[in-house]
């Protein structure tokens, strides 16, 4: 996700569910697990809502039909994993993954991070951006940090990984930062491809998956209008991304366990919950 005044790093998870959003959720009633890959939602998608009423928004997302959620903060449940797990169980939601800072996996902080996420049933710890990734001197150490952390997490049935934006695909000679990280890290380090940003950066998304099979265990489905494509809307199926081959690659070579919808833009003045529901319905139909 591109850095914005209200960035994911500043996102505090807690939110209010409007009456209109509830109506949308009832209208969709779409099963969020078609075939073998269930659908989760990145909570940044409804950041304004969840910042006001965490429980109400989770309930609305569950009603829409999502099988799980990907966290970007814990709001009222920060430091209260048992209570959060109880709420997820009550709503029938799984903790698909989480977005956390790399500092939470360094030193003594790692054990606390492990314990919290084991309690809520979350096995994928994803870093959604870090300056070290593209730093000419720090990038090698950063990749090795992921290798070492993945080695510690693997016996626990957990894994760590990195989430791309567009700048990770900036060229370095004949390669780019993303490729460099991928080759420097082991197969146990997740490459959480955000297909919206990757497509916007000019990448062949299915090819990314074919080159690193099994490493996209959780991916981002972000409806994206690629630069210069007028008339498109950031709603799944109305956007610029060619999703068919991507979803096929997720099933066949990606080793994908979760498709995580991220609704970053809200076209036509519609609410975040309305747009998220529209994209979920279209994604479910395509699957």
C-alpha atoms as a PDB file:
ATOM      1  CA  UNK A   1       0.000   0.000   0.000  1.00  0.00           C
ATOM      2  CA  UNK A   2       1.321   3.434  -0.887  1.00  0.00           C
ATOM      3  CA  UNK A   3       2.154   5.761   1.956  1.00  0.00           C
ATOM      4  CA  UNK A   4      -0.803   8.037   2.621  1.00  0.00           C
ATOM      5  CA  UNK A   5      -1.761  10.379   5.492  1.00  0.00           C
ATOM      6  CA  UNK A   6      -3.850   7.544   6.943  1.00  0.00           C
ATOM      7  CA  UNK A   7      -1.412   4.720   6.281  1.00  0.00           C
ATOM      8  CA  UNK A   8      -1.696   1.142   7.454  1.00  0.00           C
ATOM      9  CA  UNK A   9       1.145   1.807   9.869  1.00  0.00           C
ATOM     10  CA  UNK A  10      -1.107   4.311  11.654  1.00  0.00           C
ATOM     11  CA  UNK A  11      -4.178   2.135  11.329  1.00  0.00           C
ATOM     12  CA  UNK A  12      -5.814   1.439  14.700  1.00  0.00           C
ATOM     13  CA  UNK A  13      -8.186  -1.448  14.397  1.00  0.00           C
ATOM     14  CA  UNK A  14     -11.671  -0.640  15.838  1.00  0.00           C
ATOM     15  CA  UNK A  15     -14.853   0.563  13.842  1.00  0.00           C
ATOM     16  CA  UNK A  16     -18.612   1.392  13.417  1.00  0.00           C
ATOM     17  CA  UNK A  17     -20.943  -0.502  11.129  1.00  0.00           C
ATOM     18  CA  UNK A  18     -23.532   1.732   9.498  1.00  0.00           C
ATOM     19  CA  UNK A  19     -27.060   0.626   8.758  1.00  0.00           C
ATOM     20  CA  UNK A  20     -26.348   0.852   5.029  1.00  0.00           C
ATOM     21  CA  UNK A  21     -23.323  -1.405   5.385  1.00  0.00           C
ATOM     22  CA  UNK A  22     -25.342  -3.975   7.274  1.00  0.00           C
ATOM     23  CA  UNK A  23     -27.873  -3.968   4.442  1.00  0.00           C
ATOM     24  CA  UNK A  24     -25.102  -4.554   1.917  1.00  0.00           C
ATOM     25  CA  UNK A  25     -23.783  -7.454   3.967  1.00  0.00           C
ATOM     26  CA  UNK A  26     -27.209  -9.072   4.041  1.00  0.00           C
ATOM     27  CA  UNK A  27     -27.603  -8.549   0.321  1.00  0.00           C
ATOM     28  CA  UNK A  28     -24.370 -10.259  -0.656  1.00  0.00           C
ATOM     29  CA  UNK A  29     -24.689 -13.435   1.410  1.00  0.00           C
ATOM     30  CA  UNK A  30     -21.862 -14.865  -0.690  1.00  0.00           C
ATOM     31  CA  UNK A  31     -19.944 -17.923   0.452  1.00  0.00           C
ATOM     32  CA  UNK A  32     -16.357 -16.782   1.003  1.00  0.00           C
ATOM     33  CA  UNK A  33     -14.780 -20.158   0.386  1.00  0.00           C
ATOM     34  CA  UNK A  34     -15.184 -21.341  -3.174  1.00  0.00           C
ATOM     35  CA  UNK A  35     -13.252 -24.445  -4.106  1.00  0.00           C
ATOM     36  CA  UNK A  36     -10.202 -24.940  -1.925  1.00  0.00           C
ATOM     37  CA  UNK A  37      -9.071 -21.371  -1.245  1.00  0.00           C
ATOM     38  CA  UNK A  38     -11.055 -19.357   1.319  1.00  0.00           C
ATOM     39  CA  UNK A  39     -11.379 -15.574   1.146  1.00  0.00           C
ATOM     40  CA  UNK A  40     -10.339 -13.237   3.932  1.00  0.00           C
ATOM     41  CA  UNK A  41     -10.410  -9.451   4.120  1.00  0.00           C
ATOM     42  CA  UNK A  42      -7.588  -7.104   5.076  1.00  0.00           C
ATOM     43  CA  UNK A  43      -9.096  -4.899   7.787  1.00  0.00           C
ATOM     44  CA  UNK A  44      -7.427  -1.833   6.280  1.00  0.00           C
ATOM     45  CA  UNK A  45     -10.234  -2.102   3.715  1.00  0.00           C
ATOM     46  CA  UNK A  46     -12.694  -0.777   6.301  1.00  0.00           C
ATOM     47  CA  UNK A  47     -10.266   1.284   8.362  1.00  0.00           C
ATOM     48  CA  UNK A  48     -12.690   4.117   9.056  1.00  0.00           C
ATOM     49  CA  UNK A  49     -15.406   1.769  10.255  1.00  0.00           C
ATOM     50  CA  UNK A  50     -13.282  -0.538  12.343  1.00  0.00           C
ATOM     51  CA  UNK A  51     -11.614   2.444  13.966  1.00  0.00           C
ATOM     52  CA  UNK A  52     -14.988   3.308  15.498  1.00  0.00           C
ATOM     53  CA  UNK A  53     -16.597  -0.059  16.221  1.00  0.00           C
ATOM     54  CA  UNK A  54     -14.276  -3.035  16.034  1.00  0.00           C
ATOM     55  CA  UNK A  55     -16.811  -5.708  16.996  1.00  0.00           C
ATOM     56  CA  UNK A  56     -19.605  -4.295  14.843  1.00  0.00           C
ATOM     57  CA  UNK A  57     -17.435  -4.203  11.762  1.00  0.00           C
ATOM     58  CA  UNK A  58     -16.146  -7.729  12.294  1.00  0.00           C
ATOM     59  CA  UNK A  59     -19.758  -8.860  12.574  1.00  0.00           C
ATOM     60  CA  UNK A  60     -20.627  -7.077   9.316  1.00  0.00           C
ATOM     61  CA  UNK A  61     -17.715  -8.688   7.474  1.00  0.00           C
ATOM     62  CA  UNK A  62     -18.686 -12.109   8.775  1.00  0.00           C
ATOM     63  CA  UNK A  63     -22.253 -11.505   7.592  1.00  0.00           C
ATOM     64  CA  UNK A  64     -20.955 -10.657   4.114  1.00  0.00           C
ATOM     65  CA  UNK A  65     -19.458 -14.131   3.939  1.00  0.00           C
ATOM     66  CA  UNK A  66     -15.742 -13.694   4.600  1.00  0.00           C
ATOM     67  CA  UNK A  67     -14.089 -16.778   6.046  1.00  0.00           C
ATOM     68  CA  UNK A  68     -11.328 -14.849   7.758  1.00  0.00           C
ATOM     69  CA  UNK A  69      -9.681 -11.521   8.430  1.00  0.00           C
ATOM     70  CA  UNK A  70      -6.153 -10.235   8.047  1.00  0.00           C
ATOM     71  CA  UNK A  71      -5.267  -7.870  10.857  1.00  0.00           C
ATOM     72  CA  UNK A  72      -3.506  -4.517  10.700  1.00  0.00           C
ATOM     73  CA  UNK A  73      -3.747  -3.715  14.399  1.00  0.00           C
ATOM     74  CA  UNK A  74      -5.958  -5.037  17.184  1.00  0.00           C
ATOM     75  CA  UNK A  75      -7.668  -1.987  18.649  1.00  0.00           C
ATOM     76  CA  UNK A  76      -9.573  -2.845  21.825  1.00  0.00           C
ATOM     77  CA  UNK A  77      -8.045  -6.340  21.773  1.00  0.00           C
ATOM     78  CA  UNK A  78      -4.438  -5.186  21.850  1.00  0.00           C
ATOM     79  CA  UNK A  79      -2.773  -7.370  24.468  1.00  0.00           C
ATOM     80  CA  UNK A  80      -5.949  -9.450  24.853  1.00  0.00           C
ATOM     81  CA  UNK A  81      -5.536 -12.435  22.531  1.00  0.00           C
ATOM     82  CA  UNK A  82      -7.938 -14.744  24.398  1.00  0.00           C
ATOM     83  CA  UNK A  83     -10.756 -12.210  24.132  1.00  0.00           C
ATOM     84  CA  UNK A  84     -10.009 -11.646  20.434  1.00  0.00           C
ATOM     85  CA  UNK A  85     -10.003 -15.392  19.752  1.00  0.00           C
ATOM     86  CA  UNK A  86     -13.354 -15.715  21.510  1.00  0.00           C
ATOM     87  CA  UNK A  87     -14.820 -12.974  19.318  1.00  0.00           C
ATOM     88  CA  UNK A  88     -13.485 -14.573  16.144  1.00  0.00           C
ATOM     89  CA  UNK A  89     -14.892 -17.947  17.180  1.00  0.00           C
ATOM     90  CA  UNK A  90     -18.250 -16.351  17.978  1.00  0.00           C
ATOM     91  CA  UNK A  91     -18.424 -14.851  14.477  1.00  0.00           C
ATOM     92  CA  UNK A  92     -17.055 -17.914  12.683  1.00  0.00           C
ATOM     93  CA  UNK A  93     -13.972 -16.043  11.445  1.00  0.00           C
ATOM     94  CA  UNK A  94     -10.379 -17.241  11.184  1.00  0.00           C
ATOM     95  CA  UNK A  95      -7.245 -15.149  11.638  1.00  0.00           C
ATOM     96  CA  UNK A  96      -5.918 -15.568   8.103  1.00  0.00           C
ATOM     97  CA  UNK A  97      -2.784 -13.479   8.659  1.00  0.00           C
ATOM     98  CA  UNK A  98      -1.578 -10.262  10.235  1.00  0.00           C
ATOM     99  CA  UNK A  99       0.398  -7.225   9.141  1.00  0.00           C
ATOM    100  CA  UNK A 100       2.989  -6.241  11.738  1.00  0.00           C
ATOM    101  CA  UNK A 101       6.239  -4.313  11.892  1.00  0.00           C
ATOM    102  CA  UNK A 102       9.549  -6.171  11.593  1.00  0.00           C
ATOM    103  CA  UNK A 103      10.471  -4.869  15.054  1.00  0.00           C
ATOM    104  CA  UNK A 104       7.858  -7.191  16.582  1.00  0.00           C
ATOM    105  CA  UNK A 105       9.877 -10.181  15.386  1.00  0.00           C
ATOM    106  CA  UNK A 106      13.282  -9.041  16.603  1.00  0.00           C
ATOM    107  CA  UNK A 107      14.950 -10.017  19.862  1.00  0.00           C
ATOM    108  CA  UNK A 108      12.758 -10.660  22.893  1.00  0.00           C
ATOM    109  CA  UNK A 109       9.722  -9.240  21.080  1.00  0.00           C
ATOM    110  CA  UNK A 110       9.470 -12.340  18.889  1.00  0.00           C
ATOM    111  CA  UNK A 111       8.332 -14.635  21.707  1.00  0.00           C
ATOM    112  CA  UNK A 112       5.556 -12.239  22.720  1.00  0.00           C
ATOM    113  CA  UNK A 113       4.491 -11.982  19.092  1.00  0.00           C
ATOM    114  CA  UNK A 114       4.426 -15.755  18.745  1.00  0.00           C
ATOM    115  CA  UNK A 115       2.356 -16.222  21.903  1.00  0.00           C
ATOM    116  CA  UNK A 116      -0.217 -13.601  20.909  1.00  0.00           C
ATOM    117  CA  UNK A 117      -0.729 -15.018  17.435  1.00  0.00           C
ATOM    118  CA  UNK A 118      -0.781 -18.629  18.535  1.00  0.00           C
ATOM    119  CA  UNK A 119      -3.614 -17.703  20.880  1.00  0.00           C
ATOM    120  CA  UNK A 120      -5.712 -16.154  18.111  1.00  0.00           C
ATOM    121  CA  UNK A 121      -4.875 -18.948  15.649  1.00  0.00           C
ATOM    122  CA  UNK A 122      -2.858 -16.792  13.254  1.00  0.00           C
ATOM    123  CA  UNK A 123       0.122 -18.501  11.640  1.00  0.00           C
ATOM    124  CA  UNK A 124       1.175 -15.972   8.984  1.00  0.00           C
ATOM    125  CA  UNK A 125       3.155 -12.939  10.205  1.00  0.00           C
ATOM    126  CA  UNK A 126       3.568 -10.473   7.333  1.00  0.00           C
ATOM    127  CA  UNK A 127       5.572  -7.236   7.214  1.00  0.00           C
ATOM    128  CA  UNK A 128       3.724  -4.714   4.979  1.00  0.00           C
ATOM    129  CA  UNK A 129       6.627  -2.483   4.044  1.00  0.00           C
ATOM    130  CA  UNK A 130      10.038  -1.661   5.492  1.00  0.00           C
ATOM    131  CA  UNK A 131      12.696   0.748   4.288  1.00  0.00           C
ATOM    132  CA  UNK A 132      15.361  -1.937   4.657  1.00  0.00           C
ATOM    133  CA  UNK A 133      13.781  -3.909   1.815  1.00  0.00           C
ATOM    134  CA  UNK A 134      15.067  -1.485  -0.821  1.00  0.00           C
ATOM    135  CA  UNK A 135      18.074  -0.140   1.097  1.00  0.00           C
ATOM    136  CA  UNK A 136      21.323  -0.804  -0.802  1.00  0.00           C
ATOM    137  CA  UNK A 137      23.224  -1.729   2.376  1.00  0.00           C
ATOM    138  CA  UNK A 138      20.522  -3.157   4.650  1.00  0.00           C
ATOM    139  CA  UNK A 139      18.568  -5.317   2.218  1.00  0.00           C
ATOM    140  CA  UNK A 140      20.839  -8.362   2.487  1.00  0.00           C
ATOM    141  CA  UNK A 141      20.678  -8.386   6.287  1.00  0.00           C
ATOM    142  CA  UNK A 142      16.924  -7.847   6.074  1.00  0.00           C
ATOM    143  CA  UNK A 143      16.496 -10.956   3.929  1.00  0.00           C
ATOM    144  CA  UNK A 144      18.668 -12.995   6.290  1.00  0.00           C
ATOM    145  CA  UNK A 145      16.549 -11.776   9.215  1.00  0.00           C
ATOM    146  CA  UNK A 146      13.506 -13.291   7.495  1.00  0.00           C
ATOM    147  CA  UNK A 147      15.366 -16.556   6.895  1.00  0.00           C
ATOM    148  CA  UNK A 148      16.315 -16.829  10.553  1.00  0.00           C
ATOM    149  CA  UNK A 149      12.842 -15.889  11.756  1.00  0.00           C
ATOM    150  CA  UNK A 150      11.185 -18.364   9.392  1.00  0.00           C
ATOM    151  CA  UNK A 151      13.457 -21.091  10.751  1.00  0.00           C
ATOM    152  CA  UNK A 152      12.302 -20.313  14.295  1.00  0.00           C
ATOM    153  CA  UNK A 153       8.640 -20.204  13.313  1.00  0.00           C
ATOM    154  CA  UNK A 154       8.507 -23.335  11.156  1.00  0.00           C
ATOM    155  CA  UNK A 155       8.506 -25.882  14.033  1.00  0.00           C
ATOM    156  CA  UNK A 156       5.522 -24.000  15.471  1.00  0.00           C
ATOM    157  CA  UNK A 157       3.526 -24.276  12.257  1.00  0.00           C
ATOM    158  CA  UNK A 158       3.970 -20.537  11.632  1.00  0.00           C
ATOM    159  CA  UNK A 159       5.669 -18.475   8.937  1.00  0.00           C
ATOM    160  CA  UNK A 160       6.756 -14.919   8.210  1.00  0.00           C
ATOM    161  CA  UNK A 161       6.767 -12.979   4.984  1.00  0.00           C
ATOM    162  CA  UNK A 162       6.754  -9.639   3.203  1.00  0.00           C
ATOM    163  CA  UNK A 163       3.996  -7.685   1.419  1.00  0.00           C
ATOM    164  CA  UNK A 164       4.881  -5.613  -1.641  1.00  0.00           C
ATOM    165  CA  UNK A 165       3.770  -2.209  -2.881  1.00  0.00           C
ATOM    166  CA  UNK A 166       5.052  -0.752  -6.172  1.00  0.00           C
ATOM    167  CA  UNK A 167       8.476   0.530  -5.120  1.00  0.00           C
ATOM    168  CA  UNK A 168       9.694  -3.001  -4.355  1.00  0.00           C
ATOM    169  CA  UNK A 169       9.720  -3.615  -8.118  1.00  0.00           C
ATOM    170  CA  UNK A 170      12.095  -0.734  -8.857  1.00  0.00           C
ATOM    171  CA  UNK A 171      14.934  -1.856 -11.116  1.00  0.00           C
ATOM    172  CA  UNK A 172      18.383  -2.876  -9.895  1.00  0.00           C
ATOM    173  CA  UNK A 173      20.380  -3.586 -13.000  1.00  0.00           C
ATOM    174  CA  UNK A 174      18.641  -6.486 -14.747  1.00  0.00           C
ATOM    175  CA  UNK A 175      16.606  -7.342 -11.646  1.00  0.00           C
ATOM    176  CA  UNK A 176      14.532  -5.520  -9.017  1.00  0.00           C
ATOM    177  CA  UNK A 177      14.262  -5.337  -5.218  1.00  0.00           C
ATOM    178  CA  UNK A 178      11.466  -7.911  -5.045  1.00  0.00           C
ATOM    179  CA  UNK A 179      13.407 -10.461  -7.077  1.00  0.00           C
ATOM    180  CA  UNK A 180      16.501  -9.858  -4.985  1.00  0.00           C
ATOM    181  CA  UNK A 181      14.582 -10.522  -1.760  1.00  0.00           C
ATOM    182  CA  UNK A 182      12.961 -13.619  -3.250  1.00  0.00           C
ATOM    183  CA  UNK A 183      16.306 -15.137  -4.273  1.00  0.00           C
ATOM    184  CA  UNK A 184      17.968 -14.279  -0.963  1.00  0.00           C
ATOM    185  CA  UNK A 185      15.258 -15.879   1.154  1.00  0.00           C
ATOM    186  CA  UNK A 186      14.387 -19.525   1.677  1.00  0.00           C
ATOM    187  CA  UNK A 187      11.253 -21.244   0.411  1.00  0.00           C
ATOM    188  CA  UNK A 188       9.846 -20.947   3.943  1.00  0.00           C
ATOM    189  CA  UNK A 189       9.626 -17.143   3.688  1.00  0.00           C
ATOM    190  CA  UNK A 190       6.258 -16.069   2.305  1.00  0.00           C
ATOM    191  CA  UNK A 191       6.119 -13.728  -0.663  1.00  0.00           C
ATOM    192  CA  UNK A 192       2.765 -12.048  -0.071  1.00  0.00           C
ATOM    193  CA  UNK A 193       2.181 -10.624  -3.502  1.00  0.00           C
ATOM    194  CA  UNK A 194      -0.245  -7.726  -3.689  1.00  0.00           C
ATOM    195  CA  UNK A 195      -1.406  -8.335  -7.230  1.00  0.00           C
ATOM    196  CA  UNK A 196      -2.924  -4.888  -7.592  1.00  0.00           C
ATOM    197  CA  UNK A 197       0.344  -3.095  -6.874  1.00  0.00           C
ATOM    198  CA  UNK A 198       2.359  -5.689  -8.795  1.00  0.00           C
ATOM    199  CA  UNK A 199       0.194  -5.231 -11.892  1.00  0.00           C
ATOM    200  CA  UNK A 200       0.451  -1.459 -11.525  1.00  0.00           C
ATOM    201  CA  UNK A 201       4.237  -1.855 -11.470  1.00  0.00           C
ATOM    202  CA  UNK A 202       4.064  -3.678 -14.808  1.00  0.00           C
ATOM    203  CA  UNK A 203       4.659  -7.195 -13.475  1.00  0.00           C
ATOM    204  CA  UNK A 204       3.400 -10.411 -15.052  1.00  0.00           C
ATOM    205  CA  UNK A 205       1.623 -11.667 -11.920  1.00  0.00           C
ATOM    206  CA  UNK A 206       1.048 -15.319 -12.912  1.00  0.00           C
ATOM    207  CA  UNK A 207       4.698 -15.520 -13.923  1.00  0.00           C
ATOM    208  CA  UNK A 208       5.766 -14.284 -10.482  1.00  0.00           C
ATOM    209  CA  UNK A 209       3.955 -17.233  -8.951  1.00  0.00           C
ATOM    210  CA  UNK A 210       5.359 -19.737 -11.442  1.00  0.00           C
ATOM    211  CA  UNK A 211       8.919 -18.629 -10.701  1.00  0.00           C
ATOM    212  CA  UNK A 212       8.454 -19.084  -6.953  1.00  0.00           C
ATOM    213  CA  UNK A 213       5.928 -21.910  -6.580  1.00  0.00           C
ATOM    214  CA  UNK A 214       4.475 -22.530  -3.156  1.00  0.00           C
ATOM    215  CA  UNK A 215       5.668 -19.250  -1.641  1.00  0.00           C
ATOM    216  CA  UNK A 216       2.469 -17.225  -2.106  1.00  0.00           C
ATOM    217  CA  UNK A 217       0.584 -18.947   0.725  1.00  0.00           C
ATOM    218  CA  UNK A 218      -1.459 -15.817   1.391  1.00  0.00           C
ATOM    219  CA  UNK A 219      -1.932 -13.188  -1.321  1.00  0.00           C
ATOM    220  CA  UNK A 220      -3.668  -9.840  -1.750  1.00  0.00           C
ATOM    221  CA  UNK A 221      -6.506  -9.385  -4.195  1.00  0.00           C
ATOM    222  CA  UNK A 222      -6.560  -5.593  -4.543  1.00  0.00           C
ATOM    223  CA  UNK A 223      -8.889  -4.129  -7.193  1.00  0.00           C
ATOM    224  CA  UNK A 224      -6.657  -1.590  -8.937  1.00  0.00           C
ATOM    225  CA  UNK A 225      -6.980   0.908 -11.752  1.00  0.00           C
ATOM    226  CA  UNK A 226      -3.640   0.850 -13.529  1.00  0.00           C
ATOM    227  CA  UNK A 227      -2.238   4.240 -14.467  1.00  0.00           C
ATOM    228  CA  UNK A 228      -3.700   5.674 -17.642  1.00  0.00           C
ATOM    229  CA  UNK A 229      -6.686   3.345 -17.857  1.00  0.00           C
ATOM    230  CA  UNK A 230      -9.663   5.682 -17.825  1.00  0.00           C
ATOM    231  CA  UNK A 231     -13.188   4.453 -17.206  1.00  0.00           C
ATOM    232  CA  UNK A 232     -12.156   1.716 -14.790  1.00  0.00           C
ATOM    233  CA  UNK A 233     -13.296   1.468 -11.174  1.00  0.00           C
ATOM    234  CA  UNK A 234     -11.470   0.030  -8.189  1.00  0.00           C
ATOM    235  CA  UNK A 235     -14.050  -2.703  -7.679  1.00  0.00           C
ATOM    236  CA  UNK A 236     -13.080  -6.299  -8.383  1.00  0.00           C
ATOM    237  CA  UNK A 237     -14.006  -7.178 -11.966  1.00  0.00           C
ATOM    238  CA  UNK A 238     -14.436  -3.508 -12.936  1.00  0.00           C
ATOM    239  CA  UNK A 239     -10.735  -2.694 -12.493  1.00  0.00           C
ATOM    240  CA  UNK A 240      -7.683  -3.046 -14.736  1.00  0.00           C
ATOM    241  CA  UNK A 241      -6.202  -6.289 -13.445  1.00  0.00           C
ATOM    242  CA  UNK A 242      -6.599  -9.498 -15.460  1.00  0.00           C
ATOM    243  CA  UNK A 243      -7.676 -11.649 -12.542  1.00  0.00           C
ATOM    244  CA  UNK A 244      -8.495 -14.939 -14.296  1.00  0.00           C
ATOM    245  CA  UNK A 245      -4.902 -16.137 -14.897  1.00  0.00           C
ATOM    246  CA  UNK A 246      -3.881 -14.903 -11.449  1.00  0.00           C
ATOM    247  CA  UNK A 247      -6.547 -16.928  -9.649  1.00  0.00           C
ATOM    248  CA  UNK A 248      -5.648 -19.968 -11.765  1.00  0.00           C
ATOM    249  CA  UNK A 249      -2.000 -19.597 -10.735  1.00  0.00           C
ATOM    250  CA  UNK A 250      -3.036 -19.311  -7.080  1.00  0.00           C
ATOM    251  CA  UNK A 251      -4.799 -22.655  -7.357  1.00  0.00           C
ATOM    252  CA  UNK A 252      -2.173 -24.430  -9.432  1.00  0.00           C
ATOM    253  CA  UNK A 253       1.287 -23.175  -8.417  1.00  0.00           C
ATOM    254  CA  UNK A 254       1.056 -20.590  -5.665  1.00  0.00           C
ATOM    255  CA  UNK A 255       0.399 -22.929  -2.769  1.00  0.00           C
ATOM    256  CA  UNK A 256      -2.173 -20.299  -1.806  1.00  0.00           C
ATOM    257  CA  UNK A 257      -4.100 -20.936   1.407  1.00  0.00           C
ATOM    258  CA  UNK A 258      -5.895 -17.578   1.601  1.00  0.00           C
ATOM    259  CA  UNK A 259      -7.079 -15.037  -0.951  1.00  0.00           C
ATOM    260  CA  UNK A 260      -7.150 -11.771   0.959  1.00  0.00           C
ATOM    261  CA  UNK A 261      -9.331  -9.054  -0.502  1.00  0.00           C
ATOM    262  CA  UNK A 262      -8.115  -5.512   0.113  1.00  0.00           C
ATOM    263  CA  UNK A 263     -10.485  -2.729  -0.882  1.00  0.00           C
ATOM    264  CA  UNK A 264      -8.320   0.357  -0.786  1.00  0.00           C
ATOM    265  CA  UNK A 265     -10.365   2.784  -2.894  1.00  0.00           C
ATOM    266  CA  UNK A 266     -14.075   3.597  -2.707  1.00  0.00           C
ATOM    267  CA  UNK A 267     -15.428   4.723  -6.101  1.00  0.00           C
ATOM    268  CA  UNK A 268     -18.607   6.718  -6.673  1.00  0.00           C
ATOM    269  CA  UNK A 269     -18.774   7.867  -3.073  1.00  0.00           C
ATOM    270  CA  UNK A 270     -19.826   4.444  -1.838  1.00  0.00           C
ATOM    271  CA  UNK A 271     -18.971   3.402   1.697  1.00  0.00           C
ATOM    272  CA  UNK A 272     -16.010   1.112   2.442  1.00  0.00           C
ATOM    273  CA  UNK A 273     -18.375  -1.668   3.497  1.00  0.00           C
ATOM    274  CA  UNK A 274     -20.430  -1.306   0.305  1.00  0.00           C
ATOM    275  CA  UNK A 275     -17.353  -1.434  -1.923  1.00  0.00           C
ATOM    276  CA  UNK A 276     -15.893  -4.369  -0.024  1.00  0.00           C
ATOM    277  CA  UNK A 277     -19.180  -6.256  -0.384  1.00  0.00           C
ATOM    278  CA  UNK A 278     -19.301  -5.532  -4.135  1.00  0.00           C
ATOM    279  CA  UNK A 279     -15.766  -6.813  -4.652  1.00  0.00           C
ATOM    280  CA  UNK A 280     -16.400  -9.918  -2.567  1.00  0.00           C
ATOM    281  CA  UNK A 281     -19.502 -10.755  -4.564  1.00  0.00           C
ATOM    282  CA  UNK A 282     -17.657 -10.364  -7.882  1.00  0.00           C
ATOM    283  CA  UNK A 283     -14.625 -12.331  -6.675  1.00  0.00           C
ATOM    284  CA  UNK A 284     -16.823 -15.168  -5.440  1.00  0.00           C
ATOM    285  CA  UNK A 285     -18.636 -15.318  -8.783  1.00  0.00           C
ATOM    286  CA  UNK A 286     -15.375 -15.441 -10.710  1.00  0.00           C
ATOM    287  CA  UNK A 287     -14.097 -18.280  -8.562  1.00  0.00           C
END
